Amino acid sequence: MEQGILLRELNHRINNGLASAINLVSAAAVRAEGREAKRALSDMVELLHGYADVQQALEMPRGKALIDAATYIRMMGCAMRRSLLDRMNIRLALATESLPLQPERCRRLGLIVHGLVTEAAKHACFEARTGEIKVKLTRIGAVVNCVVLDNGSRSVRGAAGRGVRISNDLAKGLGGRLEHGFGTDFTSVVLSFPLTERERQANCAMAKRRIIRSPSRSKVTPSDASALYPGAKCPDRGSRPVATRPDPNPARGAQPISARPAPDALRELLSPGHVS
């Protein structure tokens, strides 16, 4: 049996388990006596719905069509706000560019971002500051940069945790790497990985169409709007990332990775003029 089929079967069982748990707790909330008990059980139902949303967002995309990683990351971010971050009073800001990726590679990227955001939420020391985590997804030529930055502090030893090791392994599967930065009031992780030939052709074609349709580069794209304006609407729970038409040319492997884009992406994100 193919790995993709096995993963979908596993996801199906997890979803069924979450649905059963939601039904059981919902029934208990109806039967419960007392306002506090009902409120506690209702909060648990809401939490389980949030985890179900995260699980749905991280499901393996079907088919071979390229997936817009920006939509995929935004869906997952909205689910993480509901399941974890809002309850911890941590703000999540997303700045993403449309980025067609192959389904399995898009899911790997989503798993990495999910893991890094979770690590930041659980282990960053925000002290008296309001917690804030920023995710910025960009492409420079044939290299993708994804920056996960928080305004907390962590020891360098935190980079050796189990969750980070898993993210490192996933990054290697993309042909990329993770770079960590630590400061007194920030912690950053930069993921850099090269596009495959198929992804590179699709992204170049999309960039050319964007230039033809909109010569002005000062306009804000829909992908950026949800990051720049916190009140922007999240994707619907049942929506899926928009797939692009499959490229007839098969993937021919990844391009050699450059050592320079990652620091550039981090410098841009940390610059005083950056707004998110």
Protein backbone atom coordinates (compact mmCIF):
# COMPACT_ATOMS: atom_id res chain seq x y z
CA MET A 1 0.00 0.00 0.00
CA GLU A 2 1.33 3.45 -0.91
CA GLN A 3 2.55 5.72 1.87
CA GLY A 4 0.02 8.39 0.87
CA ILE A 5 -2.87 5.94 1.26
CA LEU A 6 -1.56 4.84 4.66
CA LEU A 7 -1.29 8.46 5.81
CA ARG A 8 -4.83 9.22 4.66
CA GLU A 9 -6.12 6.14 6.51
CA LEU A 10 -4.29 7.24 9.65
CA ASN A 11 -5.71 10.76 9.34
CA HIS A 12 -9.17 9.28 8.84
CA ARG A 13 -8.89 7.32 12.09
CA ILE A 14 -7.60 10.35 13.98
CA ASN A 15 -10.47 12.45 12.66
CA ASN A 16 -12.97 9.78 13.72
CA GLY A 17 -11.43 9.70 17.18
CA LEU A 18 -11.65 13.47 17.53
CA ALA A 19 -15.26 13.45 16.30
CA SER A 20 -16.17 10.79 18.87
CA ALA A 21 -14.50 12.78 21.65
CA ILE A 22 -16.34 15.95 20.60
CA ASN A 23 -19.68 14.10 20.61
CA LEU A 24 -19.04 12.56 24.04
CA VAL A 25 -18.00 15.84 25.67
CA SER A 26 -20.87 17.71 23.99
CA ALA A 27 -23.34 15.19 25.39
CA ALA A 28 -21.78 15.54 28.83
CA ALA A 29 -22.11 19.33 28.60
CA VAL A 30 -25.82 18.97 27.89
CA ARG A 31 -26.34 16.66 30.87
CA ALA A 32 -24.12 18.63 33.26
CA GLU A 33 -25.72 20.52 36.12
CA GLY A 34 -24.31 23.84 37.16
CA ARG A 35 -23.08 26.78 35.14
CA GLU A 36 -19.37 26.24 35.81
CA ALA A 37 -19.48 22.59 34.78
CA LYS A 38 -21.29 23.41 31.56
CA ARG A 39 -18.84 26.21 30.79
CA ALA A 40 -15.82 23.96 31.40
CA LEU A 41 -17.19 21.20 29.18
CA SER A 42 -18.15 23.70 26.47
CA ASP A 43 -14.60 25.08 26.53
CA MET A 44 -13.31 21.54 26.11
CA VAL A 45 -15.55 21.04 23.08
CA GLU A 46 -14.21 24.25 21.56
CA LEU A 47 -10.64 23.10 22.23
CA LEU A 48 -11.29 19.73 20.57
CA HIS A 49 -12.79 21.51 17.55
CA GLY A 50 -9.59 23.54 17.33
CA TYR A 51 -7.42 20.43 17.33
CA ALA A 52 -9.68 18.89 14.70
CA ASP A 53 -9.16 21.99 12.56
CA VAL A 54 -5.37 21.67 12.91
CA GLN A 55 -5.56 17.99 11.99
CA GLN A 56 -7.63 18.81 8.91
CA ALA A 57 -5.23 21.57 7.87
CA LEU A 58 -2.26 19.20 8.11
CA GLU A 59 -3.87 16.40 6.11
CA MET A 60 -1.97 15.11 3.10
CA PRO A 61 -3.33 16.97 0.03
CA ARG A 62 -4.88 14.68 -2.57
CA GLY A 63 -3.79 14.44 -6.18
CA LYS A 64 -0.62 15.61 -7.88
CA ALA A 65 -1.59 19.22 -8.60
CA LEU A 66 0.63 21.89 -7.07
CA ILE A 67 -0.70 23.38 -3.82
CA ASP A 68 -0.54 27.06 -2.83
CA ALA A 69 1.59 26.94 0.31
CA ALA A 70 0.39 30.41 1.35
CA THR A 71 -3.23 29.24 1.62
CA TYR A 72 -2.11 26.04 3.33
CA ILE A 73 -0.13 27.95 5.98
CA ARG A 74 -2.95 30.47 6.57
CA MET A 75 -5.48 27.68 7.12
CA MET A 76 -3.19 26.01 9.61
CA GLY A 77 -2.49 29.33 11.36
CA CYS A 78 -6.18 30.03 11.86
CA ALA A 79 -6.63 26.54 13.32
CA MET A 80 -3.66 27.01 15.67
CA ARG A 81 -5.07 30.30 16.93
CA ARG A 82 -8.27 28.55 17.89
CA SER A 83 -6.71 25.44 19.43
CA LEU A 84 -3.72 26.91 21.24
CA LEU A 85 -2.55 30.48 20.73
CA ASP A 86 -5.69 32.45 21.62
CA ARG A 87 -5.92 30.56 24.91
CA MET A 88 -2.31 31.48 25.69
CA ASN A 89 -2.89 35.14 24.70
CA ILE A 90 -0.28 34.84 21.93
CA ARG A 91 -0.80 36.74 18.68
CA LEU A 92 0.08 35.00 15.41
CA ALA A 93 0.90 37.22 12.40
CA LEU A 94 1.22 35.65 8.95
CA ALA A 95 2.85 37.26 5.90
CA THR A 96 2.80 34.87 2.96
CA GLU A 97 3.41 35.01 -0.78
CA SER A 98 1.60 32.67 -3.14
CA LEU A 99 3.92 29.72 -3.55
CA PRO A 100 2.94 26.62 -5.58
CA LEU A 101 4.54 23.48 -4.13
CA GLN A 102 4.16 19.77 -4.75
CA PRO A 103 1.59 18.27 -2.32
CA GLU A 104 3.98 16.20 -0.19
CA ARG A 105 6.51 19.05 0.03
CA CYS A 106 3.75 21.52 0.94
CA ARG A 107 2.67 19.23 3.78
CA ARG A 108 6.28 18.96 5.00
CA LEU A 109 6.47 22.75 5.09
CA GLY A 110 3.20 22.87 7.04
CA LEU A 111 4.46 20.32 9.56
CA ILE A 112 7.65 22.32 10.06
CA VAL A 113 5.80 25.60 10.61
CA HIS A 114 3.33 23.90 12.95
CA GLY A 115 6.17 22.42 14.98
CA LEU A 116 8.13 25.67 15.20
CA VAL A 117 5.09 27.74 16.19
CA THR A 118 4.16 25.16 18.83
CA GLU A 119 7.72 25.18 20.20
CA ALA A 120 7.68 28.98 20.36
CA ALA A 121 4.33 29.07 22.13
CA LYS A 122 5.33 26.49 24.74
CA HIS A 123 8.95 27.36 25.44
CA ALA A 124 9.49 31.05 24.68
CA CYS A 125 9.79 33.31 27.73
CA PHE A 126 7.69 36.40 27.00
CA GLU A 127 7.98 37.81 30.55
CA ALA A 128 5.80 40.94 30.78
CA ARG A 129 5.47 41.27 27.01
CA THR A 130 2.39 40.21 25.07
CA GLY A 131 3.42 37.09 23.21
CA GLU A 132 3.73 37.45 19.45
CA ILE A 133 4.81 34.95 16.81
CA LYS A 134 5.39 35.97 13.19
CA VAL A 135 5.61 33.67 10.18
CA LYS A 136 6.90 35.06 6.91
CA LEU A 137 6.99 32.95 3.72
CA THR A 138 8.89 34.34 0.72
CA ARG A 139 10.69 33.18 -2.39
CA ILE A 140 14.00 34.58 -3.63
CA GLY A 141 14.76 33.13 -7.03
CA ALA A 142 14.65 29.34 -6.71
CA VAL A 143 14.99 29.36 -2.90
CA VAL A 144 12.11 29.49 -0.40
CA ASN A 145 12.63 31.24 2.94
CA CYS A 146 10.25 30.72 5.84
CA VAL A 147 10.97 32.74 8.99
CA VAL A 148 9.34 31.94 12.34
CA LEU A 149 10.09 34.76 14.80
CA ASP A 150 8.80 35.35 18.32
CA ASN A 151 9.38 38.15 20.81
CA GLY A 152 10.33 35.82 23.65
CA SER A 153 13.69 34.48 24.74
CA ARG A 154 15.02 30.93 24.98
CA SER A 155 18.34 29.34 25.79
CA VAL A 156 20.44 27.96 22.95
CA ARG A 157 19.83 24.53 24.44
CA GLY A 158 16.20 24.86 23.36
CA ALA A 159 17.31 24.31 19.77
CA ALA A 160 18.11 20.68 20.60
CA GLY A 161 14.58 19.69 21.70
CA ARG A 162 12.74 16.74 20.20
CA GLY A 163 10.30 18.95 18.29
CA VAL A 164 13.14 20.92 16.71
CA ARG A 165 14.95 17.70 15.77
CA ILE A 166 11.84 16.52 13.95
CA SER A 167 11.64 19.86 12.12
CA ASN A 168 15.31 19.48 11.15
CA ASP A 169 14.62 16.04 9.68
CA LEU A 170 11.63 17.39 7.75
CA ALA A 171 13.77 20.27 6.44
CA LYS A 172 16.37 17.79 5.17
CA GLY A 173 13.56 16.01 3.33
CA LEU A 174 12.97 19.29 1.46
CA GLY A 175 16.67 19.55 0.64
CA GLY A 176 16.95 22.49 3.03
CA ARG A 177 18.08 23.46 6.50
CA LEU A 178 17.09 25.35 9.64
CA GLU A 179 19.08 28.22 11.15
CA HIS A 180 18.43 29.44 14.70
CA GLY A 181 18.92 32.89 16.18
CA PHE A 182 18.68 33.85 19.85
CA GLY A 183 18.49 37.26 21.51
CA THR A 184 17.42 38.82 24.78
CA ASP A 185 13.98 39.63 23.41
CA PHE A 186 13.57 37.45 20.33
CA THR A 187 14.05 33.94 19.01
CA SER A 188 14.07 33.16 15.30
CA VAL A 189 14.23 30.12 13.07
CA VAL A 190 14.84 30.43 9.32
CA LEU A 191 13.94 27.53 7.05
CA SER A 192 15.54 27.66 3.59
CA PHE A 193 14.99 25.09 0.88
CA PRO A 194 15.23 25.00 -2.93
CA LEU A 195 12.35 24.60 -5.33
CA THR A 196 12.20 21.56 -7.56
CA GLU A 197 12.34 22.21 -11.30
CA ARG A 198 8.58 21.73 -11.60
CA GLU A 199 7.91 24.17 -8.75
CA ARG A 200 10.41 26.67 -10.13
CA GLN A 201 8.71 26.69 -13.54
CA ALA A 202 5.27 27.14 -11.96
CA ASN A 203 6.44 30.00 -9.72
CA CYS A 204 8.22 31.75 -12.60
CA ALA A 205 5.11 31.48 -14.77
CA MET A 206 2.96 32.88 -11.96
CA ALA A 207 5.37 35.77 -11.40
CA LYS A 208 5.29 36.66 -15.11
CA ARG A 209 1.48 36.67 -15.12
CA ARG A 210 1.47 38.91 -12.04
CA ILE A 211 3.79 41.42 -13.73
CA ILE A 212 1.64 41.50 -16.87
CA ARG A 213 -1.61 41.96 -14.93
CA SER A 214 -0.31 44.46 -12.35
CA PRO A 215 2.72 46.58 -13.32
CA SER A 216 2.54 48.43 -9.98
CA ARG A 217 4.36 46.51 -7.24
CA SER A 218 3.00 48.62 -4.39
CA LYS A 219 -0.35 46.84 -4.19
CA VAL A 220 -1.08 44.43 -1.35
CA THR A 221 -1.92 40.93 -2.56
CA PRO A 222 -4.76 38.91 -1.00
CA SER A 223 -2.16 36.55 0.45
CA ASP A 224 -0.60 39.41 2.41
CA ALA A 225 -3.85 41.05 3.52
CA SER A 226 -4.61 38.61 6.33
CA ALA A 227 -1.14 39.21 7.79
CA LEU A 228 -1.13 42.99 7.55
CA TYR A 229 -4.64 43.40 8.94
CA PRO A 230 -5.41 41.24 12.01
CA GLY A 231 -9.15 41.58 11.37
CA ALA A 232 -8.92 39.89 8.00
CA LYS A 233 -11.14 36.82 7.67
CA CYS A 234 -9.58 33.39 8.05
CA PRO A 235 -10.30 30.73 5.43
CA ASP A 236 -13.46 28.74 6.08
CA ARG A 237 -12.99 25.56 8.09
CA GLY A 238 -14.06 23.36 5.20
CA SER A 239 -11.96 25.12 2.57
CA ARG A 240 -8.85 23.60 1.07
CA PRO A 241 -5.72 25.17 -0.44
CA VAL A 242 -6.13 26.21 -4.05
CA ALA A 243 -4.36 23.81 -6.36
CA THR A 244 -2.67 24.89 -9.56
CA ARG A 245 -2.75 22.91 -12.77
CA PRO A 246 -0.14 20.11 -12.80
CA ASP A 247 2.96 20.86 -14.82
CA PRO A 248 3.38 18.37 -17.68
CA ASN A 249 7.14 18.27 -17.08
CA PRO A 250 8.16 15.88 -14.27
CA ALA A 251 10.28 17.13 -11.38
CA ARG A 252 13.99 16.98 -12.11
CA GLY A 253 15.22 17.43 -8.55
CA ALA A 254 16.14 20.45 -6.51
CA GLN A 255 18.37 23.33 -7.43
CA PRO A 256 21.55 23.88 -5.37
CA ILE A 257 20.74 25.88 -2.29
CA SER A 258 22.22 29.31 -1.76
CA ALA A 259 23.69 30.29 1.59
CA ARG A 260 22.66 33.95 1.38
CA PRO A 261 18.84 34.17 1.19
CA ALA A 262 18.15 33.04 4.78
CA PRO A 263 20.02 35.89 6.52
CA ASP A 264 18.51 38.36 4.05
CA ALA A 265 15.00 37.17 4.92
CA LEU A 266 15.70 37.42 8.63
CA ARG A 267 17.21 40.90 8.30
CA GLU A 268 14.14 42.08 6.38
CA LEU A 269 11.79 40.69 9.00
CA LEU A 270 13.72 42.21 11.88
CA SER A 271 14.11 45.63 10.24
CA PRO A 272 12.28 48.53 11.98
CA GLY A 273 10.30 49.30 8.84
CA HIS A 274 8.70 45.88 8.69
CA VAL A 275 4.96 45.90 9.41
CA SER A 276 2.97 42.77 10.20
